Amino acid sequence: MILLTDQQLKELEQPAAIPPRVMNPSTNETFILLSVEEYERLKERPYDDTPWTREELQALAWEVGERSDWDEYDAPNDRE
């Protein structure tokens, strides 16, 4: 376990970046800091990376359609 310095603790208290990110300066690799509780909660959910089903794709299409401004597509075509 790595203990944080006082300066690092102050940075973690700033809500600018949630979740906080840290970088390894020798590799430029970035990490995200999570509380143990949040990490355990995320581990509980099974990750599904199977291809999307037709029903899932249709549900996503409907959701996108509901969020879109369809009125802009209903305007008469000015080219005629």
PDB file of N, CA and C in Angstrom:
ATOM      1  N   MET A   1       0.852  -1.171   0.000  1.00  0.00           N
ATOM      2  CA  MET A   1       0.000   0.000   0.000  1.00  0.00           C
ATOM      3  C   MET A   1       0.898   1.234   0.000  1.00  0.00           C
ATOM      4  N   ILE A   2       0.495   2.251  -0.748  1.00  0.00           N
ATOM      5  CA  ILE A   2       1.229   3.514  -0.818  1.00  0.00           C
ATOM      6  C   ILE A   2       0.497   4.540   0.028  1.00  0.00           C
ATOM      7  N   LEU A   3       1.210   5.192   0.921  1.00  0.00           N
ATOM      8  CA  LEU A   3       0.613   6.256   1.725  1.00  0.00           C
ATOM      9  C   LEU A   3       0.789   7.587   1.001  1.00  0.00           C
ATOM     10  N   LEU A   4      -0.285   8.371   0.952  1.00  0.00           N
ATOM     11  CA  LEU A   4      -0.257   9.644   0.253  1.00  0.00           C
ATOM     12  C   LEU A   4       0.350  10.736   1.117  1.00  0.00           C
ATOM     13  N   THR A   5       0.983  11.695   0.451  1.00  0.00           N
ATOM     14  CA  THR A   5       1.523  12.850   1.163  1.00  0.00           C
ATOM     15  C   THR A   5       0.378  13.805   1.485  1.00  0.00           C
ATOM     16  N   ASP A   6       0.645  14.802   2.319  1.00  0.00           N
ATOM     17  CA  ASP A   6      -0.370  15.806   2.645  1.00  0.00           C
ATOM     18  C   ASP A   6      -0.824  16.555   1.396  1.00  0.00           C
ATOM     19  N   GLN A   7       0.114  16.879   0.523  1.00  0.00           N
ATOM     20  CA  GLN A   7      -0.242  17.572  -0.721  1.00  0.00           C
ATOM     21  C   GLN A   7      -1.154  16.703  -1.593  1.00  0.00           C
ATOM     22  N   GLN A   8      -0.863  15.431  -1.685  1.00  0.00           N
ATOM     23  CA  GLN A   8      -1.700  14.524  -2.476  1.00  0.00           C
ATOM     24  C   GLN A   8      -3.087  14.407  -1.870  1.00  0.00           C
ATOM     25  N   LEU A   9      -3.171  14.361  -0.570  1.00  0.00           N
ATOM     26  CA  LEU A   9      -4.472  14.296   0.093  1.00  0.00           C
ATOM     27  C   LEU A   9      -5.301  15.539  -0.207  1.00  0.00           C
ATOM     28  N   LYS A  10      -4.661  16.713  -0.191  1.00  0.00           N
ATOM     29  CA  LYS A  10      -5.373  17.952  -0.520  1.00  0.00           C
ATOM     30  C   LYS A  10      -5.893  17.912  -1.950  1.00  0.00           C
ATOM     31  N   GLU A  11      -5.095  17.379  -2.864  1.00  0.00           N
ATOM     32  CA  GLU A  11      -5.518  17.265  -4.265  1.00  0.00           C
ATOM     33  C   GLU A  11      -6.722  16.342  -4.401  1.00  0.00           C
ATOM     34  N   LEU A  12      -6.752  15.275  -3.633  1.00  0.00           N
ATOM     35  CA  LEU A  12      -7.870  14.341  -3.684  1.00  0.00           C
ATOM     36  C   LEU A  12      -9.161  14.968  -3.183  1.00  0.00           C
ATOM     37  N   GLU A  13      -9.059  15.938  -2.323  1.00  0.00           N
ATOM     38  CA  GLU A  13     -10.240  16.602  -1.781  1.00  0.00           C
ATOM     39  C   GLU A  13     -10.853  17.593  -2.762  1.00  0.00           C
ATOM     40  N   GLN A  14     -10.111  17.958  -3.798  1.00  0.00           N
ATOM     41  CA  GLN A  14     -10.623  18.884  -4.809  1.00  0.00           C
ATOM     42  C   GLN A  14     -11.538  18.120  -5.759  1.00  0.00           C
ATOM     43  N   PRO A  15     -12.745  18.621  -5.998  1.00  0.00           N
ATOM     44  CA  PRO A  15     -13.694  17.900  -6.854  1.00  0.00           C
ATOM     45  C   PRO A  15     -13.456  18.093  -8.348  1.00  0.00           C
ATOM     46  N   ALA A  16     -12.293  18.587  -8.753  1.00  0.00           N
ATOM     47  CA  ALA A  16     -12.042  18.863 -10.171  1.00  0.00           C
ATOM     48  C   ALA A  16     -12.077  17.596 -11.014  1.00  0.00           C
ATOM     49  N   ALA A  17     -11.493  16.542 -10.555  1.00  0.00           N
ATOM     50  CA  ALA A  17     -11.443  15.305 -11.335  1.00  0.00           C
ATOM     51  C   ALA A  17     -11.993  14.167 -10.499  1.00  0.00           C
ATOM     52  N   ILE A  18     -13.166  13.702 -10.857  1.00  0.00           N
ATOM     53  CA  ILE A  18     -13.772  12.590 -10.149  1.00  0.00           C
ATOM     54  C   ILE A  18     -13.949  11.463 -11.160  1.00  0.00           C
ATOM     55  N   PRO A  19     -13.457  10.313 -11.010  1.00  0.00           N
ATOM     56  CA  PRO A  19     -12.521   9.907  -9.973  1.00  0.00           C
ATOM     57  C   PRO A  19     -11.132  10.509 -10.232  1.00  0.00           C
ATOM     58  N   PRO A  20     -10.340  10.652  -9.174  1.00  0.00           N
ATOM     59  CA  PRO A  20      -9.013  11.249  -9.328  1.00  0.00           C
ATOM     60  C   PRO A  20      -8.118  10.382 -10.201  1.00  0.00           C
ATOM     61  N   ARG A  21      -7.272  11.050 -10.970  1.00  0.00           N
ATOM     62  CA  ARG A  21      -6.315  10.344 -11.827  1.00  0.00           C
ATOM     63  C   ARG A  21      -4.908  10.654 -11.361  1.00  0.00           C
ATOM     64  N   VAL A  22      -4.042   9.664 -11.457  1.00  0.00           N
ATOM     65  CA  VAL A  22      -2.634   9.839 -11.123  1.00  0.00           C
ATOM     66  C   VAL A  22      -1.806   9.293 -12.272  1.00  0.00           C
ATOM     67  N   MET A  23      -0.588   9.837 -12.421  1.00  0.00           N
ATOM     68  CA  MET A  23       0.260   9.423 -13.529  1.00  0.00           C
ATOM     69  C   MET A  23       1.607   8.957 -13.009  1.00  0.00           C
ATOM     70  N   ASN A  24       2.090   7.894 -13.588  1.00  0.00           N
ATOM     71  CA  ASN A  24       3.435   7.419 -13.314  1.00  0.00           C
ATOM     72  C   ASN A  24       4.364   8.225 -14.220  1.00  0.00           C
ATOM     73  N   PRO A  25       5.198   9.106 -13.671  1.00  0.00           N
ATOM     74  CA  PRO A  25       6.017   9.968 -14.516  1.00  0.00           C
ATOM     75  C   PRO A  25       7.067   9.222 -15.335  1.00  0.00           C
ATOM     76  N   SER A  26       7.463   8.053 -14.913  1.00  0.00           N
ATOM     77  CA  SER A  26       8.483   7.326 -15.680  1.00  0.00           C
ATOM     78  C   SER A  26       7.900   6.609 -16.886  1.00  0.00           C
ATOM     79  N   THR A  27       6.593   6.291 -16.858  1.00  0.00           N
ATOM     80  CA  THR A  27       5.972   5.586 -17.986  1.00  0.00           C
ATOM     81  C   THR A  27       4.869   6.395 -18.663  1.00  0.00           C
ATOM     82  N   ASN A  28       4.469   7.511 -18.055  1.00  0.00           N
ATOM     83  CA  ASN A  28       3.329   8.318 -18.525  1.00  0.00           C
ATOM     84  C   ASN A  28       2.018   7.535 -18.497  1.00  0.00           C
ATOM     85  N   GLU A  29       1.979   6.466 -17.744  1.00  0.00           N
ATOM     86  CA  GLU A  29       0.771   5.658 -17.605  1.00  0.00           C
ATOM     87  C   GLU A  29      -0.151   6.325 -16.582  1.00  0.00           C
ATOM     88  N   THR A  30      -1.450   6.417 -16.915  1.00  0.00           N
ATOM     89  CA  THR A  30      -2.420   7.070 -16.042  1.00  0.00           C
ATOM     90  C   THR A  30      -3.267   6.025 -15.337  1.00  0.00           C
ATOM     91  N   PHE A  31      -3.559   6.292 -14.066  1.00  0.00           N
ATOM     92  CA  PHE A  31      -4.374   5.406 -13.246  1.00  0.00           C
ATOM     93  C   PHE A  31      -5.532   6.199 -12.657  1.00  0.00           C
ATOM     94  N   ILE A  32      -6.609   5.512 -12.343  1.00  0.00           N
ATOM     95  CA  ILE A  32      -7.762   6.123 -11.689  1.00  0.00           C
ATOM     96  C   ILE A  32      -7.840   5.565 -10.279  1.00  0.00           C
ATOM     97  N   LEU A  33      -8.010   6.468  -9.318  1.00  0.00           N
ATOM     98  CA  LEU A  33      -8.123   6.044  -7.922  1.00  0.00           C
ATOM     99  C   LEU A  33      -9.583   5.851  -7.559  1.00  0.00           C
ATOM    100  N   LEU A  34      -9.891   4.692  -7.024  1.00  0.00           N
ATOM    101  CA  LEU A  34     -11.245   4.387  -6.563  1.00  0.00           C
ATOM    102  C   LEU A  34     -11.191   3.989  -5.099  1.00  0.00           C
ATOM    103  N   SER A  35     -12.252   4.303  -4.389  1.00  0.00           N
ATOM    104  CA  SER A  35     -12.329   3.815  -3.019  1.00  0.00           C
ATOM    105  C   SER A  35     -12.513   2.297  -3.068  1.00  0.00           C
ATOM    106  N   VAL A  36     -12.152   1.644  -1.984  1.00  0.00           N
ATOM    107  CA  VAL A  36     -12.306   0.190  -1.916  1.00  0.00           C
ATOM    108  C   VAL A  36     -13.772  -0.188  -2.106  1.00  0.00           C
ATOM    109  N   GLU A  37     -14.674   0.592  -1.507  1.00  0.00           N
ATOM    110  CA  GLU A  37     -16.101   0.299  -1.615  1.00  0.00           C
ATOM    111  C   GLU A  37     -16.567   0.365  -3.070  1.00  0.00           C
ATOM    112  N   GLU A  38     -16.128   1.396  -3.785  1.00  0.00           N
ATOM    113  CA  GLU A  38     -16.537   1.530  -5.179  1.00  0.00           C
ATOM    114  C   GLU A  38     -15.935   0.426  -6.043  1.00  0.00           C
ATOM    115  N   TYR A  39     -14.689   0.103  -5.800  1.00  0.00           N
ATOM    116  CA  TYR A  39     -14.033  -0.976  -6.531  1.00  0.00           C
ATOM    117  C   TYR A  39     -14.765  -2.301  -6.318  1.00  0.00           C
ATOM    118  N   GLU A  40     -15.101  -2.610  -5.072  1.00  0.00           N
ATOM    119  CA  GLU A  40     -15.814  -3.854  -4.775  1.00  0.00           C
ATOM    120  C   GLU A  40     -17.190  -3.865  -5.436  1.00  0.00           C
ATOM    121  N   ARG A  41     -17.865  -2.719  -5.436  1.00  0.00           N
ATOM    122  CA  ARG A  41     -19.182  -2.632  -6.075  1.00  0.00           C
ATOM    123  C   ARG A  41     -19.070  -2.887  -7.578  1.00  0.00           C
ATOM    124  N   LEU A  42     -18.043  -2.345  -8.205  1.00  0.00           N
ATOM    125  CA  LEU A  42     -17.854  -2.548  -9.641  1.00  0.00           C
ATOM    126  C   LEU A  42     -17.482  -3.996  -9.961  1.00  0.00           C
ATOM    127  N   LYS A  43     -16.745  -4.628  -9.085  1.00  0.00           N
ATOM    128  CA  LYS A  43     -16.359  -6.027  -9.298  1.00  0.00           C
ATOM    129  C   LYS A  43     -17.554  -6.968  -9.235  1.00  0.00           C
ATOM    130  N   GLU A  44     -18.598  -6.578  -8.483  1.00  0.00           N
ATOM    131  CA  GLU A  44     -19.761  -7.449  -8.309  1.00  0.00           C
ATOM    132  C   GLU A  44     -20.553  -7.617  -9.599  1.00  0.00           C
ATOM    133  N   ARG A  45     -20.551  -6.600 -10.436  1.00  0.00           N
ATOM    134  CA  ARG A  45     -21.329  -6.677 -11.676  1.00  0.00           C
ATOM    135  C   ARG A  45     -20.577  -7.482 -12.716  1.00  0.00           C
ATOM    136  N   PRO A  46     -21.230  -8.472 -13.296  1.00  0.00           N
ATOM    137  CA  PRO A  46     -20.553  -9.210 -14.364  1.00  0.00           C
ATOM    138  C   PRO A  46     -20.434  -8.333 -15.607  1.00  0.00           C
ATOM    139  N   TYR A  47     -19.289  -8.390 -16.253  1.00  0.00           N
ATOM    140  CA  TYR A  47     -19.071  -7.607 -17.460  1.00  0.00           C
ATOM    141  C   TYR A  47     -19.488  -8.442 -18.665  1.00  0.00           C
ATOM    142  N   ASP A  48     -20.346  -7.873 -19.488  1.00  0.00           N
ATOM    143  CA  ASP A  48     -20.852  -8.574 -20.665  1.00  0.00           C
ATOM    144  C   ASP A  48     -20.272  -7.931 -21.914  1.00  0.00           C
ATOM    145  N   ASP A  49     -19.339  -8.631 -22.560  1.00  0.00           N
ATOM    146  CA  ASP A  49     -18.752  -8.093 -23.783  1.00  0.00           C
ATOM    147  C   ASP A  49     -19.203  -8.871 -25.024  1.00  0.00           C
ATOM    148  N   THR A  50     -20.326  -9.566 -24.891  1.00  0.00           N
ATOM    149  CA  THR A  50     -20.862 -10.281 -26.041  1.00  0.00           C
ATOM    150  C   THR A  50     -21.444  -9.274 -27.030  1.00  0.00           C
ATOM    151  N   PRO A  51     -21.554  -9.660 -28.302  1.00  0.00           N
ATOM    152  CA  PRO A  51     -22.146  -8.741 -29.280  1.00  0.00           C
ATOM    153  C   PRO A  51     -23.567  -8.360 -28.876  1.00  0.00           C
ATOM    154  N   TRP A  52     -23.970  -7.145 -29.233  1.00  0.00           N
ATOM    155  CA  TRP A  52     -25.303  -6.668 -28.896  1.00  0.00           C
ATOM    156  C   TRP A  52     -26.355  -7.462 -29.647  1.00  0.00           C
ATOM    157  N   THR A  53     -27.460  -7.734 -28.974  1.00  0.00           N
ATOM    158  CA  THR A  53     -28.567  -8.422 -29.635  1.00  0.00           C
ATOM    159  C   THR A  53     -29.354  -7.415 -30.466  1.00  0.00           C
ATOM    160  N   ARG A  54     -30.191  -7.909 -31.347  1.00  0.00           N
ATOM    161  CA  ARG A  54     -31.030  -7.033 -32.166  1.00  0.00           C
ATOM    162  C   ARG A  54     -31.936  -6.178 -31.282  1.00  0.00           C
ATOM    163  N   GLU A  55     -32.466  -6.776 -30.224  1.00  0.00           N
ATOM    164  CA  GLU A  55     -33.344  -6.046 -29.308  1.00  0.00           C
ATOM    165  C   GLU A  55     -32.596  -4.914 -28.608  1.00  0.00           C
ATOM    166  N   GLU A  56     -31.352  -5.169 -28.188  1.00  0.00           N
ATOM    167  CA  GLU A  56     -30.558  -4.117 -27.546  1.00  0.00           C
ATOM    168  C   GLU A  56     -30.268  -2.976 -28.516  1.00  0.00           C
ATOM    169  N   LEU A  57     -29.935  -3.311 -29.754  1.00  0.00           N
ATOM    170  CA  LEU A  57     -29.667  -2.285 -30.761  1.00  0.00           C
ATOM    171  C   LEU A  57     -30.918  -1.463 -31.055  1.00  0.00           C
ATOM    172  N   GLN A  58     -32.076  -2.123 -31.143  1.00  0.00           N
ATOM    173  CA  GLN A  58     -33.323  -1.393 -31.381  1.00  0.00           C
ATOM    174  C   GLN A  58     -33.663  -0.478 -30.209  1.00  0.00           C
ATOM    175  N   ALA A  59     -33.450  -0.959 -28.982  1.00  0.00           N
ATOM    176  CA  ALA A  59     -33.715  -0.125 -27.814  1.00  0.00           C
ATOM    177  C   ALA A  59     -32.797   1.091 -27.802  1.00  0.00           C
ATOM    178  N   LEU A  60     -31.547   0.902 -28.169  1.00  0.00           N
ATOM    179  CA  LEU A  60     -30.616   2.023 -28.235  1.00  0.00           C
ATOM    180  C   LEU A  60     -31.036   3.015 -29.320  1.00  0.00           C
ATOM    181  N   ALA A  61     -31.474   2.512 -30.467  1.00  0.00           N
ATOM    182  CA  ALA A  61     -31.927   3.390 -31.544  1.00  0.00           C
ATOM    183  C   ALA A  61     -33.128   4.218 -31.099  1.00  0.00           C
ATOM    184  N   TRP A  62     -34.067   3.609 -30.390  1.00  0.00           N
ATOM    185  CA  TRP A  62     -35.225   4.349 -29.887  1.00  0.00           C
ATOM    186  C   TRP A  62     -34.792   5.418 -28.893  1.00  0.00           C
ATOM    187  N   GLU A  63     -33.854   5.061 -28.018  1.00  0.00           N
ATOM    188  CA  GLU A  63     -33.379   6.018 -27.017  1.00  0.00           C
ATOM    189  C   GLU A  63     -32.712   7.220 -27.685  1.00  0.00           C
ATOM    190  N   VAL A  64     -31.895   6.963 -28.682  1.00  0.00           N
ATOM    191  CA  VAL A  64     -31.247   8.057 -29.406  1.00  0.00           C
ATOM    192  C   VAL A  64     -32.292   8.896 -30.129  1.00  0.00           C
ATOM    193  N   GLY A  65     -33.275   8.236 -30.727  1.00  0.00           N
ATOM    194  CA  GLY A  65     -34.327   8.957 -31.428  1.00  0.00           C
ATOM    195  C   GLY A  65     -35.130   9.853 -30.515  1.00  0.00           C
ATOM    196  N   GLU A  66     -35.398   9.392 -29.303  1.00  0.00           N
ATOM    197  CA  GLU A  66     -36.159  10.196 -28.342  1.00  0.00           C
ATOM    198  C   GLU A  66     -35.378  11.423 -27.891  1.00  0.00           C
ATOM    199  N   ARG A  67     -34.060  11.321 -27.880  1.00  0.00           N
ATOM    200  CA  ARG A  67     -33.226  12.450 -27.452  1.00  0.00           C
ATOM    201  C   ARG A  67     -32.922  13.409 -28.599  1.00  0.00           C
ATOM    202  N   SER A  68     -33.202  13.010 -29.819  1.00  0.00           N
ATOM    203  CA  SER A  68     -32.901  13.856 -30.979  1.00  0.00           C
ATOM    204  C   SER A  68     -34.016  14.844 -31.231  1.00  0.00           C
ATOM    205  N   ASP A  69     -33.679  15.914 -31.924  1.00  0.00           N
ATOM    206  CA  ASP A  69     -34.664  16.918 -32.316  1.00  0.00           C
ATOM    207  C   ASP A  69     -35.155  16.551 -33.711  1.00  0.00           C
ATOM    208  N   TRP A  70     -36.160  15.691 -33.762  1.00  0.00           N
ATOM    209  CA  TRP A  70     -36.641  15.197 -35.049  1.00  0.00           C
ATOM    210  C   TRP A  70     -37.344  16.280 -35.857  1.00  0.00           C
ATOM    211  N   ASP A  71     -37.762  17.376 -35.205  1.00  0.00           N
ATOM    212  CA  ASP A  71     -38.447  18.437 -35.937  1.00  0.00           C
ATOM    213  C   ASP A  71     -37.569  19.033 -37.029  1.00  0.00           C
ATOM    214  N   GLU A  72     -36.274  19.047 -36.824  1.00  0.00           N
ATOM    215  CA  GLU A  72     -35.389  19.613 -37.840  1.00  0.00           C
ATOM    216  C   GLU A  72     -35.417  18.784 -39.125  1.00  0.00           C
ATOM    217  N   TYR A  73     -35.761  17.512 -39.033  1.00  0.00           N
ATOM    218  CA  TYR A  73     -35.816  16.666 -40.216  1.00  0.00           C
ATOM    219  C   TYR A  73     -37.182  16.723 -40.896  1.00  0.00           C
ATOM    220  N   ASP A  74     -38.183  17.284 -40.210  1.00  0.00           N
ATOM    221  CA  ASP A  74     -39.520  17.386 -40.776  1.00  0.00           C
ATOM    222  C   ASP A  74     -39.734  18.661 -41.590  1.00  0.00           C
ATOM    223  N   ALA A  75     -38.732  19.548 -41.599  1.00  0.00           N
ATOM    224  CA  ALA A  75     -38.867  20.797 -42.349  1.00  0.00           C
ATOM    225  C   ALA A  75     -38.935  20.492 -43.835  1.00  0.00           C
ATOM    226  N   PRO A  76     -39.733  21.271 -44.589  1.00  0.00           N
ATOM    227  CA  PRO A  76     -39.815  21.039 -46.025  1.00  0.00           C
ATOM    228  C   PRO A  76     -38.467  21.241 -46.688  1.00  0.00           C
ATOM    229  N   ASN A  77     -38.267  20.489 -47.746  1.00  0.00           N
ATOM    230  CA  ASN A  77     -37.000  20.554 -48.485  1.00  0.00           C
ATOM    231  C   ASN A  77     -36.993  21.825 -49.326  1.00  0.00           C
ATOM    232  N   ASP A  78     -36.043  22.734 -49.113  1.00  0.00           N
ATOM    233  CA  ASP A  78     -35.962  23.970 -49.833  1.00  0.00           C
ATOM    234  C   ASP A  78     -35.449  23.816 -51.252  1.00  0.00           C
ATOM    235  N   ARG A  79     -34.968  22.645 -51.612  1.00  0.00           N
ATOM    236  CA  ARG A  79     -34.369  22.432 -52.933  1.00  0.00           C
ATOM    237  C   ARG A  79     -35.416  22.185 -54.008  1.00  0.00           C
ATOM    238  N   GLU A  80     -36.628  21.864 -53.631  1.00  0.00           N
ATOM    239  CA  GLU A  80     -37.657  21.538 -54.624  1.00  0.00           C
ATOM    240  C   GLU A  80     -38.177  22.768 -55.294  1.00  0.00           C
TER     241      GLU A  80
END
